[in-house]
Each structure stands twice: as structure tokens, then as C-alpha cells.
Protein backbone atom coordinates (compact mmCIF):
# COMPACT_ATOMS: atom_id res chain seq x y z
CA MET A 1 32.27 131.75 -32.58
CA SER A 2 35.93 132.87 -32.92
CA PRO A 3 36.98 134.88 -35.92
CA ARG A 4 39.04 132.03 -37.16
CA ARG A 5 36.17 129.61 -36.97
CA ARG A 6 33.96 132.04 -38.83
CA ARG A 7 36.48 132.16 -41.71
CA LEU A 8 36.75 128.36 -41.89
CA ALA A 9 33.00 127.66 -41.64
CA PRO A 10 32.21 128.40 -45.35
CA LEU A 11 35.11 126.18 -46.40
CA SER A 12 33.87 123.39 -44.10
CA LEU A 13 30.37 123.71 -45.56
CA ALA A 14 31.73 123.65 -49.08
CA LEU A 15 33.79 120.51 -48.45
CA ALA A 16 30.92 118.78 -46.73
CA GLY A 17 28.65 119.62 -49.65
CA THR A 18 31.19 118.35 -52.12
CA LEU A 19 31.51 115.11 -50.29
CA ALA A 20 27.79 114.71 -49.82
CA CYS A 21 27.20 115.23 -53.59
CA ALA A 22 29.93 112.91 -54.58
CA GLU A 23 28.82 109.94 -56.67
CA PRO A 24 28.43 106.88 -54.53
CA ALA A 25 31.06 104.29 -54.89
CA SER A 26 30.16 101.62 -57.37
CA PRO A 27 29.49 98.24 -55.78
CA PRO A 28 32.51 95.89 -55.83
CA ALA A 29 32.78 93.72 -58.87
CA PRO A 30 31.38 90.25 -58.23
CA ALA A 31 33.99 87.70 -57.34
CA PRO A 32 34.80 85.26 -60.16
CA PRO A 33 32.94 81.96 -59.73
CA ALA A 34 34.87 79.54 -57.60
CA LYS A 35 36.69 76.97 -59.63
CA VAL A 36 34.98 73.63 -59.00
CA GLU A 37 37.46 70.92 -58.73
CA PRO A 38 36.25 67.57 -60.06
CA ALA A 39 35.86 64.95 -57.47
CA LYS A 40 38.92 62.79 -57.09
CA PRO A 41 38.49 59.09 -57.69
CA ARG A 42 37.74 57.17 -54.47
CA LEU A 43 38.59 53.60 -53.38
CA ILE A 44 35.90 52.16 -51.11
CA ALA A 45 36.52 48.91 -49.31
CA ALA A 46 33.49 46.71 -49.57
CA PRO A 47 32.08 45.29 -46.36
CA GLU A 48 33.26 41.68 -45.65
CA ALA A 49 29.69 40.40 -45.30
CA GLY A 50 26.21 41.26 -46.55
CA ASP A 51 24.08 40.91 -49.63
CA LEU A 52 26.35 42.09 -52.48
CA PRO A 53 23.61 43.62 -54.77
CA THR A 54 22.22 45.53 -51.78
CA ILE A 55 25.77 46.80 -50.88
CA VAL A 56 26.28 47.96 -54.50
CA ARG A 57 22.87 49.64 -54.77
CA GLU A 58 23.35 51.49 -51.49
CA GLU A 59 26.83 52.67 -52.52
CA ALA A 60 25.48 53.76 -55.94
CA ALA A 61 22.79 55.84 -54.23
CA ARG A 62 25.21 57.44 -51.74
CA GLU A 63 26.62 60.16 -53.99
CA GLY A 64 27.01 61.12 -57.64
CA GLY A 65 29.59 60.01 -60.07
CA THR A 66 30.18 56.66 -61.64
CA LEU A 67 30.37 53.63 -59.40
CA VAL A 68 32.56 50.78 -60.59
CA VAL A 69 32.70 47.39 -58.87
CA SER A 70 36.35 46.43 -58.71
CA VAL A 71 37.55 42.91 -57.94
CA GLY A 72 41.16 42.18 -57.12
CA ALA A 73 43.53 40.43 -54.71
CA SER A 74 46.47 41.34 -52.64
CA TRP A 75 48.70 38.89 -54.63
CA CYS A 76 47.67 40.43 -58.06
CA GLU A 77 50.31 42.82 -59.21
CA PRO A 78 48.11 44.77 -61.77
CA CYS A 79 45.46 45.06 -59.07
CA ARG A 80 47.95 46.49 -56.52
CA VAL A 81 49.56 48.80 -58.96
CA PHE A 82 46.29 50.21 -60.18
CA HIS A 83 45.03 50.67 -56.55
CA GLU A 84 48.29 52.52 -55.70
CA ALA A 85 48.00 54.70 -58.78
CA VAL A 86 44.53 55.85 -57.78
CA GLN A 87 45.56 56.30 -54.14
CA SER A 88 48.58 58.37 -55.05
CA GLY A 89 46.57 60.80 -57.17
CA GLN A 90 48.28 59.70 -60.42
CA LEU A 91 44.87 59.17 -62.06
CA ASP A 92 42.87 62.05 -60.47
CA GLU A 93 42.20 63.85 -63.72
CA ARG A 94 41.45 60.82 -65.85
CA LEU A 95 39.15 59.15 -63.26
CA ALA A 96 37.54 62.32 -61.85
CA GLY A 97 34.16 61.47 -60.16
CA VAL A 98 34.72 57.67 -60.29
CA ARG A 99 34.25 55.51 -57.19
CA PHE A 100 35.65 52.05 -57.02
CA LEU A 101 33.86 49.66 -54.66
CA GLU A 102 36.54 47.14 -54.03
CA PHE A 103 36.08 43.42 -53.38
CA ASP A 104 38.68 40.77 -52.76
CA ILE A 105 38.34 37.63 -54.97
CA ASP A 106 39.69 35.34 -52.28
CA ARG A 107 37.25 36.53 -49.58
CA ASP A 108 34.23 37.39 -51.75
CA ARG A 109 34.31 34.92 -54.64
CA ALA A 110 30.95 33.15 -53.83
CA ARG A 111 28.90 36.31 -53.38
CA LEU A 112 30.57 38.05 -56.38
CA GLU A 113 29.67 35.14 -58.65
CA ALA A 114 26.17 34.92 -57.30
CA ALA A 115 25.70 38.58 -58.33
CA GLY A 116 27.23 38.00 -61.75
CA TYR A 117 30.60 39.53 -61.04
CA LYS A 118 32.76 36.67 -62.33
CA SER A 119 35.72 36.44 -64.70
CA ARG A 120 38.59 34.10 -65.27
CA PHE A 121 40.95 37.10 -64.79
CA ILE A 122 41.48 39.93 -62.36
CA PRO A 123 41.42 42.82 -61.91
CA LEU A 124 37.80 42.95 -62.88
CA PHE A 125 36.02 46.27 -63.32
CA ALA A 126 32.32 46.19 -63.87
CA LEU A 127 29.59 48.69 -64.10
CA PRO A 128 26.65 47.53 -61.95
CA ASN A 129 23.12 47.61 -63.24
CA ALA A 130 20.19 49.19 -61.24
CA GLU A 131 19.68 46.07 -59.19
CA GLY A 132 23.35 46.08 -58.04
CA ARG A 133 24.26 43.07 -60.17
CA ALA A 134 27.01 42.97 -62.81
CA SER A 135 25.97 44.44 -66.17
CA ASP A 136 27.62 43.26 -69.39
CA LYS A 137 29.79 46.28 -69.30
CA LEU A 138 33.07 45.06 -67.82
CA ILE A 139 36.79 44.51 -68.44
CA SER A 140 39.08 42.00 -66.82
CA GLY A 141 42.72 41.07 -66.68
CA GLY A 142 45.85 43.10 -66.74
CA ILE A 143 49.55 42.83 -67.43
CA LYS A 144 52.45 42.93 -65.03
CA GLY A 145 55.20 45.47 -65.18
CA PRO A 146 55.59 49.18 -65.73
CA ARG A 147 52.70 49.38 -68.27
CA ALA A 148 50.09 47.77 -66.00
CA VAL A 149 48.19 51.03 -65.20
CA GLU A 150 48.15 52.20 -68.81
CA HIS A 151 47.01 48.78 -70.00
CA ILE A 152 44.06 49.00 -67.58
CA MET A 153 43.32 52.62 -68.43
CA ALA A 154 43.27 51.97 -72.16
CA ARG A 155 40.25 49.67 -71.59
CA LEU A 156 38.74 51.30 -68.48
CA GLY A 157 38.35 54.74 -70.14
CA PRO A 158 35.98 53.46 -72.88
CA LEU A 159 34.14 51.37 -70.30
CA LEU A 160 33.43 54.46 -68.14
CA ARG A 161 31.90 56.22 -71.19
CA GLN A 162 29.20 53.50 -71.46
CA LYS A 163 26.03 53.30 -69.63
CA PRO A 164 25.27 49.99 -67.70
């Protein structure tokens, strides 16, 4: 070993010993829990044919959240405005976790009425019972104009807090 190496050897050993005795690094702090975003409301187009109570039951069983049977028409201004407000995200916070199974009154009137989903006015929003039929928890009708969505929401909010 060279004289220079002999002089540095004790220093190397001392440094190695210091590092070897150093306190182990503490484990990293756990990451904060991921923020769980509430599910956005969803609009689900109902099939054009089939047994309506079966369709509703199957959709209700598909995932969590509240299922609302929604009945409207393309010519109904409050129906369209509400649909567009949900689609655009305007009601994401207020309707988090709600799924709207949408039926068209002109196409589906007979099977809607047979399953108890009937009203003189649209839009109709109804909470289905366990059999997929309409419960007595429903609202219907709307107003035209710029307050249409708020008019529906003022009644839909309390409806959603009820159990079918």
C-alpha cells in the first residue's frame, strides 16, 4: 500500500463507520388520501323496446347511486333544458351520483303507463320501487324560460332525499 493510501485509510474507515451508524432515513410520509370525486349525474337512454319494469330493475342493479326514471319529449322545452343542463355539467354537484333513465313519452307512453309512470305533465321524474314500477315518489311538469332548470331542481332535490 502506498504511503498516501496508508494515511487516508483511517479517514476512509472513520467515514464509512459514520455512515454505517447513521440513523436510517425515516420512511416517507404516507400520501394524503386521494380525493374521491362524487360521481357525475348520468343520462341513460332507455331501450326502445322491452319490459319496462325489467329494464328499470336491471339498471338500478347495475351500479350505486340513485336511479330516477325520467320521462320527457324532444318538443318539451323544460325537458330539453334540464337534459342540456345535466349534460353540460351545470348540475354535477347538486345531482352527484344520480342516474336518469330517460324515456320518451311519444315512443314509450303505453309501457310507461302500464308500469305506473304516468302523468298529465312532463317532464316526469319518478323514483322506481324494487319491482321497477313507479313509486308514489315523483314530480311532474315544468315551466318554460330561463328559470326552467331551477324550477325542476327546487322539486327534484327534495324528491331525491326520499326513499321509494
